[in-house]
Amino acid sequence: MEWYYARGDDRMGPVDDAEFDALVASGVIDVDTLVWRDGMVDWAPLREAAPDAGPQPAGEMWSGEWAGEAALRPCAECGRSFPAGEMVAYENDLICADCKPVYFQRIRESGVLPGQMPYAGFWIRFAARFVDGVIIAVVNIPLSVLQQVLIMRMASRQGDAPASEMMMIGVVAVFWIISILIGLTYETYFVGKFAATPGKMVCGLKVVMSDGGRVSYGRALGRYFATIVSQLTLMIGFIMAAFDAQKRALHDHICDTRVIRAR
């Protein structure tokens, strides 16, 4: 169902049910906000159009375990305790006033809550990494050819053999560093900017923080080096994703990241 809502003299929308609930929970839409959806004769305040729409204050919405507005409950975002009546309830979470903007901004950006993340399994992650490997290999082919040409020319020269050998070692080292920089830049740029490498985009995956937030460029860089640790464990670091409850590889454990299905 699509909703429209008024903000001053402007008419906003359409938004779906989930986004509408998030706007109500964040306070953008309150009980006096004019709203409209298909089937309504005219615009009406939320309290009249949909009295049960969106999350309500925790003390009114929850019963049993959460009953009582004065009861202290932990915030799902920061962990501090507040009276339940002063917090906002969304799905199964209670959020304090200080954390509310960050919490709902993260929902809008990622579209998922931490407990609802559709974690990507081992084989789909393997396919994504295979695609990335092919892309990196294609980029490295011209460099590899150039490296071999330079080494062959040095080997064919007459003169000081030790000097030629040192030059060849130097060429191999330079091209090895360039190859590392290509992989590093590839992973850091795409994960930091798009939350997914091209391989993950093809497979409909993205990398997020454990709380569903975006991965910064710095963490994306650290995650690249953490994947090297996963490789050095005879690939056991990657295989861990097949058995982990949240499908985490070793580098996900190190960097506090998750790989989820984006669609």
C-alpha atoms as a PDB file:
ATOM      1  CA  MET A   1       0.000   0.000   0.000  1.00  0.00           C
ATOM      2  CA  GLU A   2       1.301   3.475  -0.863  1.00  0.00           C
ATOM      3  CA  TRP A   3       0.893   6.450   1.438  1.00  0.00           C
ATOM      4  CA  TYR A   4       1.128  10.192   0.933  1.00  0.00           C
ATOM      5  CA  TYR A   5       1.621  12.679   3.770  1.00  0.00           C
ATOM      6  CA  ALA A   6       1.667  16.439   4.222  1.00  0.00           C
ATOM      7  CA  ARG A   7       4.686  18.416   5.359  1.00  0.00           C
ATOM      8  CA  GLY A   8       3.670  22.047   5.652  1.00  0.00           C
ATOM      9  CA  ASP A   9       2.150  23.017   2.319  1.00  0.00           C
ATOM     10  CA  ASP A  10       3.918  20.184   0.474  1.00  0.00           C
ATOM     11  CA  ARG A  11       2.517  16.766  -0.299  1.00  0.00           C
ATOM     12  CA  MET A  12       5.114  14.016   0.053  1.00  0.00           C
ATOM     13  CA  GLY A  13       5.126  10.440  -1.251  1.00  0.00           C
ATOM     14  CA  PRO A  14       4.395   7.877  -2.236  1.00  0.00           C
ATOM     15  CA  VAL A  15       6.003   5.710   0.471  1.00  0.00           C
ATOM     16  CA  ASP A  16       5.355   2.040   1.182  1.00  0.00           C
ATOM     17  CA  ASP A  17       4.097   0.628   4.490  1.00  0.00           C
ATOM     18  CA  ALA A  18       7.568  -0.045   5.910  1.00  0.00           C
ATOM     19  CA  GLU A  19       8.860   3.448   5.145  1.00  0.00           C
ATOM     20  CA  PHE A  20       5.599   4.959   6.402  1.00  0.00           C
ATOM     21  CA  ASP A  21       6.006   3.128   9.730  1.00  0.00           C
ATOM     22  CA  ALA A  22       9.603   4.339   9.970  1.00  0.00           C
ATOM     23  CA  LEU A  23       8.497   7.952   9.375  1.00  0.00           C
ATOM     24  CA  VAL A  24       5.871   7.613  12.123  1.00  0.00           C
ATOM     25  CA  ALA A  25       8.413   6.083  14.502  1.00  0.00           C
ATOM     26  CA  SER A  26      10.963   8.812  13.816  1.00  0.00           C
ATOM     27  CA  GLY A  27       8.411  11.545  14.450  1.00  0.00           C
ATOM     28  CA  VAL A  28       8.327  12.901  10.885  1.00  0.00           C
ATOM     29  CA  ILE A  29       4.668  11.860  10.770  1.00  0.00           C
ATOM     30  CA  ASP A  30       2.619  12.306  13.934  1.00  0.00           C
ATOM     31  CA  VAL A  31      -1.051  11.751  14.811  1.00  0.00           C
ATOM     32  CA  ASP A  32      -1.980  15.211  13.490  1.00  0.00           C
ATOM     33  CA  THR A  33      -0.213  14.860  10.123  1.00  0.00           C
ATOM     34  CA  LEU A  34      -2.550  14.798   7.147  1.00  0.00           C
ATOM     35  CA  VAL A  35      -2.225  11.543   5.200  1.00  0.00           C
ATOM     36  CA  TRP A  36      -3.893   9.945   2.206  1.00  0.00           C
ATOM     37  CA  ARG A  37      -3.902   6.552   0.503  1.00  0.00           C
ATOM     38  CA  ASP A  38      -5.901   4.885  -2.217  1.00  0.00           C
ATOM     39  CA  GLY A  39      -9.470   4.267  -1.027  1.00  0.00           C
ATOM     40  CA  MET A  40      -9.725   7.388   1.140  1.00  0.00           C
ATOM     41  CA  VAL A  41     -12.205  10.076   0.088  1.00  0.00           C
ATOM     42  CA  ASP A  42     -10.026  12.947   1.277  1.00  0.00           C
ATOM     43  CA  TRP A  43      -6.913  13.721   3.298  1.00  0.00           C
ATOM     44  CA  ALA A  44      -7.292  13.128   7.030  1.00  0.00           C
ATOM     45  CA  PRO A  45      -5.134  13.229  10.184  1.00  0.00           C
ATOM     46  CA  LEU A  46      -3.279   9.998  10.884  1.00  0.00           C
ATOM     47  CA  ARG A  47      -5.308   9.424  14.080  1.00  0.00           C
ATOM     48  CA  GLU A  48      -8.457   9.190  11.925  1.00  0.00           C
ATOM     49  CA  ALA A  49      -7.063   7.608   8.763  1.00  0.00           C
ATOM     50  CA  ALA A  50      -5.069   4.816  10.404  1.00  0.00           C
ATOM     51  CA  PRO A  51      -5.158   4.916  14.213  1.00  0.00           C
ATOM     52  CA  ASP A  52      -3.101   1.701  14.449  1.00  0.00           C
ATOM     53  CA  ALA A  53      -0.536   2.571  11.756  1.00  0.00           C
ATOM     54  CA  GLY A  54       3.150   2.673  12.619  1.00  0.00           C
ATOM     55  CA  PRO A  55       4.859   2.047  15.957  1.00  0.00           C
ATOM     56  CA  GLN A  56       3.359   3.574  19.082  1.00  0.00           C
ATOM     57  CA  PRO A  57       5.125   4.658  22.302  1.00  0.00           C
ATOM     58  CA  ALA A  58       6.521   1.586  23.987  1.00  0.00           C
ATOM     59  CA  GLY A  59       4.453   1.925  27.146  1.00  0.00           C
ATOM     60  CA  GLU A  60       1.225   1.865  25.114  1.00  0.00           C
ATOM     61  CA  MET A  61       2.189  -0.636  22.452  1.00  0.00           C
ATOM     62  CA  TRP A  62       3.661  -3.430  24.509  1.00  0.00           C
ATOM     63  CA  SER A  63       2.148  -5.533  27.262  1.00  0.00           C
ATOM     64  CA  GLY A  64       3.442  -8.365  29.436  1.00  0.00           C
ATOM     65  CA  GLU A  65       7.222  -8.126  29.521  1.00  0.00           C
ATOM     66  CA  TRP A  66       7.219  -4.494  28.382  1.00  0.00           C
ATOM     67  CA  ALA A  67       4.191  -3.310  30.352  1.00  0.00           C
ATOM     68  CA  GLY A  68       4.528  -0.180  32.437  1.00  0.00           C
ATOM     69  CA  GLU A  69       5.810   3.132  31.148  1.00  0.00           C
ATOM     70  CA  ALA A  70       8.102   3.536  34.177  1.00  0.00           C
ATOM     71  CA  ALA A  71       9.855   0.170  33.643  1.00  0.00           C
ATOM     72  CA  LEU A  72      13.495   0.591  32.602  1.00  0.00           C
ATOM     73  CA  ARG A  73      14.334  -1.078  29.292  1.00  0.00           C
ATOM     74  CA  PRO A  74      17.575  -1.180  27.281  1.00  0.00           C
ATOM     75  CA  CYS A  75      17.872   0.782  24.063  1.00  0.00           C
ATOM     76  CA  ALA A  76      18.513  -1.517  21.091  1.00  0.00           C
ATOM     77  CA  GLU A  77      21.018   0.981  19.688  1.00  0.00           C
ATOM     78  CA  CYS A  78      23.157   2.201  22.606  1.00  0.00           C
ATOM     79  CA  GLY A  79      22.259  -0.327  25.320  1.00  0.00           C
ATOM     80  CA  ARG A  80      21.460   2.302  27.965  1.00  0.00           C
ATOM     81  CA  SER A  81      18.288   1.869  30.035  1.00  0.00           C
ATOM     82  CA  PHE A  82      15.355   4.288  29.950  1.00  0.00           C
ATOM     83  CA  PRO A  83      11.707   4.275  31.075  1.00  0.00           C
ATOM     84  CA  ALA A  84       9.784   2.344  28.429  1.00  0.00           C
ATOM     85  CA  GLY A  85       7.237   5.146  28.085  1.00  0.00           C
ATOM     86  CA  GLU A  86       9.993   7.526  26.892  1.00  0.00           C
ATOM     87  CA  MET A  87      11.180   5.186  24.130  1.00  0.00           C
ATOM     88  CA  VAL A  88       9.953   4.317  20.649  1.00  0.00           C
ATOM     89  CA  ALA A  89       9.106   0.729  19.725  1.00  0.00           C
ATOM     90  CA  TYR A  90       9.804  -0.538  16.234  1.00  0.00           C
ATOM     91  CA  GLU A  91       9.415  -4.209  15.321  1.00  0.00           C
ATOM     92  CA  ASN A  92      10.924  -5.916  18.401  1.00  0.00           C
ATOM     93  CA  ASP A  93      13.273  -3.068  19.332  1.00  0.00           C
ATOM     94  CA  LEU A  94      13.007  -0.185  21.786  1.00  0.00           C
ATOM     95  CA  ILE A  95      14.978   2.938  20.866  1.00  0.00           C
ATOM     96  CA  CYS A  96      15.791   5.939  23.040  1.00  0.00           C
ATOM     97  CA  ALA A  97      15.240   9.508  21.854  1.00  0.00           C
ATOM     98  CA  ASP A  98      18.977  10.137  21.347  1.00  0.00           C
ATOM     99  CA  CYS A  99      19.435   7.106  19.093  1.00  0.00           C
ATOM    100  CA  LYS A 100      16.179   7.415  17.141  1.00  0.00           C
ATOM    101  CA  PRO A 101      17.563   9.520  14.233  1.00  0.00           C
ATOM    102  CA  VAL A 102      20.575   7.224  13.717  1.00  0.00           C
ATOM    103  CA  TYR A 103      18.487   4.066  14.040  1.00  0.00           C
ATOM    104  CA  PHE A 104      15.903   5.039  11.439  1.00  0.00           C
ATOM    105  CA  GLN A 105      18.480   6.580   9.123  1.00  0.00           C
ATOM    106  CA  ARG A 106      20.217   3.194   9.076  1.00  0.00           C
ATOM    107  CA  ILE A 107      16.929   1.469   8.260  1.00  0.00           C
ATOM    108  CA  ARG A 108      16.362   3.866   5.373  1.00  0.00           C
ATOM    109  CA  GLU A 109      19.895   3.285   4.033  1.00  0.00           C
ATOM    110  CA  SER A 110      20.109  -0.488   4.406  1.00  0.00           C
ATOM    111  CA  GLY A 111      16.450  -1.472   4.342  1.00  0.00           C
ATOM    112  CA  VAL A 112      17.015  -4.106   7.035  1.00  0.00           C
ATOM    113  CA  LEU A 113      17.240  -4.421  10.795  1.00  0.00           C
ATOM    114  CA  PRO A 114      20.199  -6.277  12.380  1.00  0.00           C
ATOM    115  CA  GLY A 115      17.995  -9.216  13.361  1.00  0.00           C
ATOM    116  CA  GLN A 116      16.416  -9.400   9.900  1.00  0.00           C
ATOM    117  CA  MET A 117      19.531  -9.471   7.733  1.00  0.00           C
ATOM    118  CA  PRO A 118      19.297 -11.963   4.853  1.00  0.00           C
ATOM    119  CA  TYR A 119      22.835 -13.313   5.201  1.00  0.00           C
ATOM    120  CA  ALA A 120      24.500 -14.530   2.007  1.00  0.00           C
ATOM    121  CA  GLY A 121      25.565 -18.180   2.027  1.00  0.00           C
ATOM    122  CA  PHE A 122      28.922 -19.699   1.201  1.00  0.00           C
ATOM    123  CA  TRP A 123      28.288 -20.628  -2.456  1.00  0.00           C
ATOM    124  CA  ILE A 124      26.826 -17.301  -3.543  1.00  0.00           C
ATOM    125  CA  ARG A 125      29.775 -15.566  -1.885  1.00  0.00           C
ATOM    126  CA  PHE A 126      32.125 -17.961  -3.667  1.00  0.00           C
ATOM    127  CA  ALA A 127      30.490 -17.055  -7.003  1.00  0.00           C
ATOM    128  CA  ALA A 128      30.862 -13.328  -6.269  1.00  0.00           C
ATOM    129  CA  ARG A 129      34.551 -13.725  -5.391  1.00  0.00           C
ATOM    130  CA  PHE A 130      35.087 -15.816  -8.542  1.00  0.00           C
ATOM    131  CA  VAL A 131      33.653 -12.999 -10.686  1.00  0.00           C
ATOM    132  CA  ASP A 132      35.870 -10.468  -8.917  1.00  0.00           C
ATOM    133  CA  GLY A 133      38.864 -12.764  -9.469  1.00  0.00           C
ATOM    134  CA  VAL A 134      38.162 -12.907 -13.205  1.00  0.00           C
ATOM    135  CA  ILE A 135      37.903  -9.104 -13.396  1.00  0.00           C
ATOM    136  CA  ILE A 136      41.176  -8.618 -11.513  1.00  0.00           C
ATOM    137  CA  ALA A 137      42.880 -11.258 -13.687  1.00  0.00           C
ATOM    138  CA  VAL A 138      41.795  -9.489 -16.884  1.00  0.00           C
ATOM    139  CA  VAL A 139      43.192  -6.211 -15.550  1.00  0.00           C
ATOM    140  CA  ASN A 140      46.474  -7.901 -14.585  1.00  0.00           C
ATOM    141  CA  ILE A 141      47.025  -9.700 -17.925  1.00  0.00           C
ATOM    142  CA  PRO A 142      48.621  -6.690 -19.704  1.00  0.00           C
ATOM    143  CA  LEU A 143      50.861  -6.112 -16.679  1.00  0.00           C
ATOM    144  CA  SER A 144      51.926  -9.748 -16.668  1.00  0.00           C
ATOM    145  CA  VAL A 145      52.735  -9.630 -20.378  1.00  0.00           C
ATOM    146  CA  LEU A 146      54.758  -6.431 -19.921  1.00  0.00           C
ATOM    147  CA  GLN A 147      56.631  -8.019 -17.012  1.00  0.00           C
ATOM    148  CA  GLN A 148      57.584 -11.077 -19.083  1.00  0.00           C
ATOM    149  CA  VAL A 149      58.745  -8.904 -21.981  1.00  0.00           C
ATOM    150  CA  LEU A 150      61.008  -6.861 -19.718  1.00  0.00           C
ATOM    151  CA  ILE A 151      62.462  -9.968 -18.067  1.00  0.00           C
ATOM    152  CA  MET A 152      63.175 -11.608 -21.434  1.00  0.00           C
ATOM    153  CA  ARG A 153      64.967  -8.488 -22.671  1.00  0.00           C
ATOM    154  CA  MET A 154      67.099  -8.353 -19.534  1.00  0.00           C
ATOM    155  CA  ALA A 155      67.926 -12.036 -19.801  1.00  0.00           C
ATOM    156  CA  SER A 156      69.073 -11.621 -23.402  1.00  0.00           C
ATOM    157  CA  ARG A 157      71.497  -8.817 -22.617  1.00  0.00           C
ATOM    158  CA  GLN A 158      75.196  -9.541 -22.520  1.00  0.00           C
ATOM    159  CA  GLY A 159      77.192  -8.254 -19.605  1.00  0.00           C
ATOM    160  CA  ASP A 160      77.121  -8.421 -15.869  1.00  0.00           C
ATOM    161  CA  ALA A 161      74.896 -11.448 -15.014  1.00  0.00           C
ATOM    162  CA  PRO A 162      74.484 -10.608 -11.287  1.00  0.00           C
ATOM    163  CA  ALA A 163      73.355  -7.092 -12.181  1.00  0.00           C
ATOM    164  CA  SER A 164      70.833  -8.444 -14.708  1.00  0.00           C
ATOM    165  CA  GLU A 165      69.465 -10.872 -12.126  1.00  0.00           C
ATOM    166  CA  MET A 166      69.034  -8.057  -9.606  1.00  0.00           C
ATOM    167  CA  MET A 167      67.191  -5.978 -12.195  1.00  0.00           C
ATOM    168  CA  MET A 168      64.862  -8.891 -12.973  1.00  0.00           C
ATOM    169  CA  ILE A 169      64.114  -9.378  -9.282  1.00  0.00           C
ATOM    170  CA  GLY A 170      63.397  -5.659  -9.040  1.00  0.00           C
ATOM    171  CA  VAL A 171      60.970  -5.825 -11.993  1.00  0.00           C
ATOM    172  CA  VAL A 172      59.113  -8.776 -10.440  1.00  0.00           C
ATOM    173  CA  ALA A 173      58.863  -6.934  -7.110  1.00  0.00           C
ATOM    174  CA  VAL A 174      57.539  -3.752  -8.728  1.00  0.00           C
ATOM    175  CA  PHE A 175      54.865  -5.597 -10.700  1.00  0.00           C
ATOM    176  CA  TRP A 176      53.896  -7.612  -7.604  1.00  0.00           C
ATOM    177  CA  ILE A 177      53.371  -4.358  -5.663  1.00  0.00           C
ATOM    178  CA  ILE A 178      51.328  -2.910  -8.543  1.00  0.00           C
ATOM    179  CA  SER A 179      49.151  -6.040  -8.562  1.00  0.00           C
ATOM    180  CA  ILE A 180      48.544  -5.710  -4.815  1.00  0.00           C
ATOM    181  CA  LEU A 181      47.628  -2.033  -5.218  1.00  0.00           C
ATOM    182  CA  ILE A 182      45.122  -2.877  -7.961  1.00  0.00           C
ATOM    183  CA  GLY A 183      43.359  -5.413  -5.744  1.00  0.00           C
ATOM    184  CA  LEU A 184      43.486  -3.083  -2.752  1.00  0.00           C
ATOM    185  CA  THR A 185      42.045  -0.140  -4.705  1.00  0.00           C
ATOM    186  CA  TYR A 186      39.381  -2.322  -6.328  1.00  0.00           C
ATOM    187  CA  GLU A 187      38.094  -3.699  -3.010  1.00  0.00           C
ATOM    188  CA  THR A 188      38.339  -0.449  -1.033  1.00  0.00           C
ATOM    189  CA  TYR A 189      36.719   1.797  -3.637  1.00  0.00           C
ATOM    190  CA  PHE A 190      33.762  -0.402  -4.526  1.00  0.00           C
ATOM    191  CA  VAL A 191      32.950  -1.587  -0.980  1.00  0.00           C
ATOM    192  CA  GLY A 192      33.405   1.915   0.464  1.00  0.00           C
ATOM    193  CA  LYS A 193      31.324   3.659  -2.218  1.00  0.00           C
ATOM    194  CA  PHE A 194      28.760   1.058  -3.313  1.00  0.00           C
ATOM    195  CA  ALA A 195      28.883  -1.474  -0.408  1.00  0.00           C
ATOM    196  CA  ALA A 196      29.717  -4.149  -2.988  1.00  0.00           C
ATOM    197  CA  THR A 197      32.379  -5.104  -5.491  1.00  0.00           C
ATOM    198  CA  PRO A 198      31.245  -5.722  -9.104  1.00  0.00           C
ATOM    199  CA  GLY A 199      31.197  -9.461  -8.371  1.00  0.00           C
ATOM    200  CA  LYS A 200      28.896  -8.940  -5.401  1.00  0.00           C
ATOM    201  CA  MET A 201      26.713  -6.579  -7.449  1.00  0.00           C
ATOM    202  CA  VAL A 202      26.281  -9.279 -10.103  1.00  0.00           C
ATOM    203  CA  CYS A 203      25.272 -11.775  -7.403  1.00  0.00           C
ATOM    204  CA  GLY A 204      22.973  -9.321  -5.619  1.00  0.00           C
ATOM    205  CA  LEU A 205      25.090  -9.013  -2.463  1.00  0.00           C
ATOM    206  CA  LYS A 206      26.413  -6.148  -0.397  1.00  0.00           C
ATOM    207  CA  VAL A 207      28.730  -5.681   2.578  1.00  0.00           C
ATOM    208  CA  VAL A 208      27.374  -3.971   5.694  1.00  0.00           C
ATOM    209  CA  MET A 209      28.341  -3.480   9.315  1.00  0.00           C
ATOM    210  CA  SER A 210      26.948  -5.821  11.969  1.00  0.00           C
ATOM    211  CA  ASP A 211      24.272  -3.218  12.757  1.00  0.00           C
ATOM    212  CA  GLY A 212      23.287  -2.846   9.098  1.00  0.00           C
ATOM    213  CA  GLY A 213      25.203   0.417   8.581  1.00  0.00           C
ATOM    214  CA  ARG A 214      27.482   1.279   5.676  1.00  0.00           C
ATOM    215  CA  VAL A 215      31.133   0.220   5.601  1.00  0.00           C
ATOM    216  CA  SER A 216      33.568   3.143   5.602  1.00  0.00           C
ATOM    217  CA  TYR A 217      36.514   3.356   3.202  1.00  0.00           C
ATOM    218  CA  GLY A 218      38.896   2.772   6.109  1.00  0.00           C
ATOM    219  CA  ARG A 219      37.122  -0.392   7.175  1.00  0.00           C
ATOM    220  CA  ALA A 220      36.897  -1.535   3.547  1.00  0.00           C
ATOM    221  CA  LEU A 221      40.683  -1.147   3.337  1.00  0.00           C
ATOM    222  CA  GLY A 222      41.136  -3.113   6.553  1.00  0.00           C
ATOM    223  CA  ARG A 223      38.775  -5.791   5.255  1.00  0.00           C
ATOM    224  CA  TYR A 224      40.967  -6.230   2.180  1.00  0.00           C
ATOM    225  CA  PHE A 225      43.986  -6.987   4.348  1.00  0.00           C
ATOM    226  CA  ALA A 226      41.832  -9.235   6.541  1.00  0.00           C
ATOM    227  CA  THR A 227      40.978 -11.335   3.459  1.00  0.00           C
ATOM    228  CA  ILE A 228      44.710 -12.006   3.118  1.00  0.00           C
ATOM    229  CA  VAL A 229      44.583 -13.524   6.609  1.00  0.00           C
ATOM    230  CA  SER A 230      41.690 -15.725   5.436  1.00  0.00           C
ATOM    231  CA  GLN A 231      43.868 -16.877   2.520  1.00  0.00           C
ATOM    232  CA  LEU A 232      46.874 -17.595   4.729  1.00  0.00           C
ATOM    233  CA  THR A 233      44.803 -20.076   6.754  1.00  0.00           C
ATOM    234  CA  LEU A 234      44.708 -22.406   3.723  1.00  0.00           C
ATOM    235  CA  MET A 235      41.373 -20.792   2.780  1.00  0.00           C
ATOM    236  CA  ILE A 236      39.794 -22.015   6.029  1.00  0.00           C
ATOM    237  CA  GLY A 237      38.972 -18.382   6.763  1.00  0.00           C
ATOM    238  CA  PHE A 238      36.667 -18.371   3.732  1.00  0.00           C
ATOM    239  CA  ILE A 239      35.209 -21.827   4.430  1.00  0.00           C
ATOM    240  CA  MET A 240      34.112 -20.601   7.879  1.00  0.00           C
ATOM    241  CA  ALA A 241      31.228 -18.799   6.138  1.00  0.00           C
ATOM    242  CA  ALA A 242      29.622 -22.165   5.354  1.00  0.00           C
ATOM    243  CA  PHE A 243      29.274 -23.034   9.047  1.00  0.00           C
ATOM    244  CA  ASP A 244      28.841 -19.684  10.797  1.00  0.00           C
ATOM    245  CA  ALA A 245      25.307 -18.776  11.934  1.00  0.00           C
ATOM    246  CA  GLN A 246      25.609 -15.359  10.277  1.00  0.00           C
ATOM    247  CA  LYS A 247      27.618 -16.689   7.306  1.00  0.00           C
ATOM    248  CA  ARG A 248      30.734 -14.781   8.401  1.00  0.00           C
ATOM    249  CA  ALA A 249      34.154 -15.525   6.995  1.00  0.00           C
ATOM    250  CA  LEU A 250      37.239 -14.899   9.121  1.00  0.00           C
ATOM    251  CA  HIS A 251      37.699 -11.407   7.673  1.00  0.00           C
ATOM    252  CA  ASP A 252      34.070 -10.596   8.579  1.00  0.00           C
ATOM    253  CA  HIS A 253      34.806 -11.599  12.185  1.00  0.00           C
ATOM    254  CA  ILE A 254      37.915  -9.413  12.195  1.00  0.00           C
ATOM    255  CA  CYS A 255      36.195  -6.330  10.702  1.00  0.00           C
ATOM    256  CA  ASP A 256      32.692  -6.781  12.189  1.00  0.00           C
ATOM    257  CA  THR A 257      31.085  -6.920   8.746  1.00  0.00           C
ATOM    258  CA  ARG A 258      28.306  -9.033   7.215  1.00  0.00           C
ATOM    259  CA  VAL A 259      27.558  -9.978   3.618  1.00  0.00           C
ATOM    260  CA  ILE A 260      23.830  -9.879   2.894  1.00  0.00           C
ATOM    261  CA  ARG A 261      21.518 -10.296  -0.066  1.00  0.00           C
ATOM    262  CA  ALA A 262      20.633  -6.909  -1.499  1.00  0.00           C
ATOM    263  CA  ARG A 263      17.549  -8.188  -3.340  1.00  0.00           C
END
